[in-house]
Amino acid sequence: MGRNPAVGRQGPAYHEAKLPAKPAKGGLTLKQVRSDSGRAETYRRTLRALGLRHYQHQIVVQDTPSIRGMIFKVRHLVQVTPGKEG
């Protein structure tokens, strides 16, 4: 038996961050919404490389392909929104 489909808040698809399709001129705002406790060391290192230090920490980063790759790796731990221009 599988999980109850009525719940709807389970699995990686629910927790996955959605990246904007077009590069954002003002950068990307990242917020760590899930803890790195109990995660693989590579996830913790990636969060530190992005500049996220703890749960609920929020930063603005440039929108580059390497940053997008790092975000893709930890997309289940972060929330991504386009940064403000100006």
N, C-alpha and C. Protein backbone atom coordinates (compact mmCIF):
# COMPACT_ATOMS: atom_id res chain seq x y z
N MET A 1 0.83 -1.18 0.00
CA MET A 1 0.00 0.00 0.00
C MET A 1 0.87 1.25 0.00
N GLY A 2 0.43 2.22 -0.73
CA GLY A 2 1.16 3.48 -0.79
C GLY A 2 0.63 4.49 0.21
N ARG A 3 1.10 5.69 0.07
CA ARG A 3 0.64 6.76 0.95
C ARG A 3 -0.74 7.23 0.57
N ASN A 4 -1.39 7.89 1.48
CA ASN A 4 -2.72 8.41 1.24
C ASN A 4 -2.66 9.59 0.27
N PRO A 5 -3.23 9.47 -0.93
CA PRO A 5 -3.14 10.57 -1.90
C PRO A 5 -3.95 11.79 -1.50
N ALA A 6 -4.87 11.63 -0.54
CA ALA A 6 -5.69 12.76 -0.12
C ALA A 6 -4.88 13.78 0.67
N VAL A 7 -3.80 13.35 1.29
CA VAL A 7 -3.00 14.26 2.09
C VAL A 7 -2.34 15.30 1.19
N GLY A 8 -1.65 14.87 0.16
CA GLY A 8 -1.12 15.77 -0.85
C GLY A 8 0.11 16.58 -0.48
N ARG A 9 0.62 16.45 0.71
CA ARG A 9 1.78 17.23 1.12
C ARG A 9 2.98 16.33 1.40
N GLN A 10 3.13 15.32 0.61
CA GLN A 10 4.20 14.37 0.85
C GLN A 10 5.04 14.22 -0.40
N GLY A 11 6.27 13.85 -0.20
CA GLY A 11 7.15 13.55 -1.32
C GLY A 11 7.95 14.76 -1.77
N PRO A 12 8.97 14.49 -2.56
CA PRO A 12 9.87 15.57 -3.00
C PRO A 12 9.21 16.57 -3.93
N ALA A 13 8.20 16.17 -4.66
CA ALA A 13 7.56 17.12 -5.59
C ALA A 13 6.87 18.25 -4.84
N TYR A 14 6.36 17.99 -3.66
CA TYR A 14 5.70 19.03 -2.88
C TYR A 14 6.70 20.02 -2.32
N HIS A 15 7.84 19.54 -1.88
CA HIS A 15 8.84 20.39 -1.22
C HIS A 15 9.84 21.00 -2.18
N GLU A 16 9.74 20.70 -3.44
CA GLU A 16 10.72 21.15 -4.42
C GLU A 16 10.57 22.64 -4.72
N ALA A 17 11.69 23.37 -4.70
CA ALA A 17 11.68 24.80 -5.04
C ALA A 17 11.52 24.95 -6.54
N LYS A 18 10.76 25.94 -6.95
CA LYS A 18 10.55 26.23 -8.37
C LYS A 18 11.44 27.40 -8.78
N LEU A 19 12.35 27.17 -9.72
CA LEU A 19 13.23 28.23 -10.21
C LEU A 19 12.53 29.02 -11.29
N PRO A 20 12.71 30.34 -11.33
CA PRO A 20 12.14 31.13 -12.42
C PRO A 20 12.76 30.70 -13.75
N ALA A 21 11.94 30.68 -14.81
CA ALA A 21 12.42 30.23 -16.12
C ALA A 21 13.45 31.19 -16.70
N LYS A 22 13.20 32.49 -16.58
CA LYS A 22 14.12 33.48 -17.12
C LYS A 22 15.08 33.94 -16.02
N PRO A 23 16.34 34.26 -16.38
CA PRO A 23 17.27 34.79 -15.39
C PRO A 23 16.76 36.10 -14.80
N ALA A 24 16.82 36.22 -13.49
CA ALA A 24 16.34 37.41 -12.81
C ALA A 24 17.46 38.45 -12.75
N LYS A 25 17.16 39.68 -13.17
CA LYS A 25 18.17 40.74 -13.17
C LYS A 25 18.56 41.12 -11.75
N GLY A 26 17.62 41.09 -10.83
CA GLY A 26 17.90 41.46 -9.45
C GLY A 26 18.45 40.32 -8.62
N GLY A 27 18.72 39.18 -9.24
CA GLY A 27 19.22 38.03 -8.52
C GLY A 27 18.08 37.16 -8.03
N LEU A 28 18.42 36.20 -7.19
CA LEU A 28 17.43 35.30 -6.61
C LEU A 28 17.48 35.40 -5.09
N THR A 29 16.33 35.39 -4.47
CA THR A 29 16.25 35.39 -3.02
C THR A 29 16.06 33.94 -2.57
N LEU A 30 16.98 33.47 -1.75
CA LEU A 30 16.92 32.11 -1.23
C LEU A 30 16.59 32.14 0.25
N LYS A 31 15.74 31.23 0.67
CA LYS A 31 15.41 31.09 2.08
C LYS A 31 15.46 29.61 2.40
N GLN A 32 16.22 29.26 3.43
CA GLN A 32 16.30 27.87 3.85
C GLN A 32 15.06 27.53 4.66
N VAL A 33 14.21 26.66 4.14
CA VAL A 33 12.94 26.35 4.79
C VAL A 33 12.95 24.99 5.49
N ARG A 34 14.00 24.21 5.28
CA ARG A 34 14.11 22.94 5.97
C ARG A 34 15.54 22.81 6.50
N SER A 35 15.67 22.16 7.62
CA SER A 35 16.95 22.05 8.30
C SER A 35 17.90 21.12 7.55
N ASP A 36 19.21 21.35 7.77
CA ASP A 36 20.20 20.46 7.18
C ASP A 36 20.59 19.36 8.15
N SER A 37 19.99 19.31 9.30
CA SER A 37 20.23 18.24 10.27
C SER A 37 19.82 16.90 9.69
N GLY A 38 20.69 15.94 9.81
CA GLY A 38 20.39 14.60 9.32
C GLY A 38 20.51 14.45 7.82
N ARG A 39 20.95 15.48 7.12
CA ARG A 39 21.12 15.41 5.66
C ARG A 39 22.55 14.98 5.34
N ALA A 40 22.76 14.64 4.10
CA ALA A 40 24.10 14.24 3.64
C ALA A 40 25.05 15.43 3.74
N GLU A 41 26.31 15.12 3.93
CA GLU A 41 27.33 16.16 4.05
C GLU A 41 27.38 17.04 2.80
N THR A 42 27.14 16.48 1.64
CA THR A 42 27.19 17.27 0.41
C THR A 42 26.09 18.33 0.40
N TYR A 43 24.91 18.02 0.95
CA TYR A 43 23.84 19.01 1.04
C TYR A 43 24.24 20.14 1.98
N ARG A 44 24.84 19.79 3.11
CA ARG A 44 25.28 20.82 4.07
C ARG A 44 26.34 21.72 3.46
N ARG A 45 27.28 21.12 2.74
CA ARG A 45 28.33 21.92 2.10
C ARG A 45 27.75 22.84 1.03
N THR A 46 26.78 22.35 0.28
CA THR A 46 26.16 23.16 -0.77
C THR A 46 25.42 24.34 -0.16
N LEU A 47 24.70 24.12 0.94
CA LEU A 47 24.00 25.23 1.61
C LEU A 47 24.99 26.26 2.11
N ARG A 48 26.11 25.82 2.67
CA ARG A 48 27.14 26.76 3.15
C ARG A 48 27.77 27.52 1.99
N ALA A 49 27.99 26.84 0.87
CA ALA A 49 28.57 27.51 -0.30
C ALA A 49 27.62 28.56 -0.86
N LEU A 50 26.32 28.32 -0.76
CA LEU A 50 25.35 29.31 -1.19
C LEU A 50 25.29 30.49 -0.22
N GLY A 51 25.70 30.28 1.02
CA GLY A 51 25.67 31.35 2.01
C GLY A 51 24.58 31.18 3.05
N LEU A 52 23.86 30.07 2.99
CA LEU A 52 22.80 29.81 3.97
C LEU A 52 23.41 29.15 5.20
N ARG A 53 23.21 29.75 6.35
CA ARG A 53 23.87 29.28 7.56
C ARG A 53 22.96 28.49 8.50
N HIS A 54 21.68 28.79 8.49
CA HIS A 54 20.77 28.12 9.42
C HIS A 54 19.35 28.18 8.88
N TYR A 55 18.46 27.48 9.56
CA TYR A 55 17.05 27.43 9.20
C TYR A 55 16.45 28.84 9.22
N GLN A 56 15.65 29.18 8.22
CA GLN A 56 15.00 30.48 8.04
C GLN A 56 15.95 31.60 7.64
N HIS A 57 17.19 31.29 7.32
CA HIS A 57 18.14 32.30 6.86
C HIS A 57 17.79 32.67 5.42
N GLN A 58 17.84 33.96 5.10
CA GLN A 58 17.44 34.45 3.78
C GLN A 58 18.57 35.29 3.20
N ILE A 59 18.90 35.04 1.93
CA ILE A 59 19.97 35.76 1.25
C ILE A 59 19.55 36.07 -0.19
N VAL A 60 20.30 36.97 -0.83
CA VAL A 60 20.12 37.27 -2.25
C VAL A 60 21.42 36.89 -2.96
N VAL A 61 21.29 36.09 -4.02
CA VAL A 61 22.45 35.65 -4.79
C VAL A 61 22.25 36.02 -6.25
N GLN A 62 23.37 36.09 -6.99
CA GLN A 62 23.30 36.36 -8.42
C GLN A 62 22.73 35.14 -9.13
N ASP A 63 22.04 35.38 -10.23
CA ASP A 63 21.45 34.29 -11.00
C ASP A 63 22.43 33.84 -12.07
N THR A 64 23.26 32.86 -11.73
CA THR A 64 24.23 32.31 -12.67
C THR A 64 23.98 30.81 -12.82
N PRO A 65 24.51 30.20 -13.87
CA PRO A 65 24.31 28.76 -14.05
C PRO A 65 24.87 27.91 -12.90
N SER A 66 26.00 28.31 -12.33
CA SER A 66 26.58 27.53 -11.23
C SER A 66 25.71 27.62 -9.97
N ILE A 67 25.15 28.80 -9.70
CA ILE A 67 24.25 28.97 -8.56
C ILE A 67 22.98 28.17 -8.79
N ARG A 68 22.46 28.19 -10.01
CA ARG A 68 21.26 27.40 -10.32
C ARG A 68 21.52 25.91 -10.11
N GLY A 69 22.71 25.45 -10.44
CA GLY A 69 23.06 24.04 -10.23
C GLY A 69 23.08 23.69 -8.75
N MET A 70 23.62 24.59 -7.93
CA MET A 70 23.64 24.36 -6.49
C MET A 70 22.23 24.36 -5.92
N ILE A 71 21.40 25.30 -6.39
CA ILE A 71 20.01 25.35 -5.93
C ILE A 71 19.28 24.08 -6.33
N PHE A 72 19.54 23.57 -7.53
CA PHE A 72 18.90 22.34 -7.99
C PHE A 72 19.24 21.17 -7.06
N LYS A 73 20.45 21.16 -6.56
CA LYS A 73 20.88 20.06 -5.68
C LYS A 73 20.14 20.07 -4.35
N VAL A 74 19.88 21.27 -3.81
CA VAL A 74 19.23 21.37 -2.50
C VAL A 74 17.83 21.96 -2.62
N ARG A 75 17.16 21.72 -3.75
CA ARG A 75 15.86 22.34 -4.02
C ARG A 75 14.79 21.92 -3.03
N HIS A 76 14.97 20.81 -2.34
CA HIS A 76 13.99 20.36 -1.37
C HIS A 76 14.20 21.02 0.00
N LEU A 77 15.27 21.80 0.15
CA LEU A 77 15.58 22.46 1.42
C LEU A 77 15.40 23.97 1.38
N VAL A 78 15.23 24.54 0.19
CA VAL A 78 15.17 25.99 0.04
C VAL A 78 13.91 26.44 -0.67
N GLN A 79 13.62 27.73 -0.50
CA GLN A 79 12.53 28.39 -1.22
C GLN A 79 13.18 29.48 -2.07
N VAL A 80 12.80 29.58 -3.35
CA VAL A 80 13.43 30.52 -4.28
C VAL A 80 12.39 31.50 -4.79
N THR A 81 12.73 32.79 -4.73
CA THR A 81 11.89 33.83 -5.32
C THR A 81 12.78 34.79 -6.08
N PRO A 82 12.29 35.43 -7.15
CA PRO A 82 13.10 36.41 -7.86
C PRO A 82 13.44 37.59 -6.95
N GLY A 83 14.67 38.09 -7.05
CA GLY A 83 15.07 39.24 -6.26
C GLY A 83 14.48 40.51 -6.82
N LYS A 84 14.54 41.58 -6.03
CA LYS A 84 14.01 42.86 -6.46
C LYS A 84 15.05 43.60 -7.29
N GLU A 85 14.61 44.22 -8.36
CA GLU A 85 15.51 45.01 -9.20
C GLU A 85 15.77 46.36 -8.56
N GLY A 86 16.97 46.86 -8.82
CA GLY A 86 17.29 48.19 -8.32
C GLY A 86 18.20 48.11 -7.23
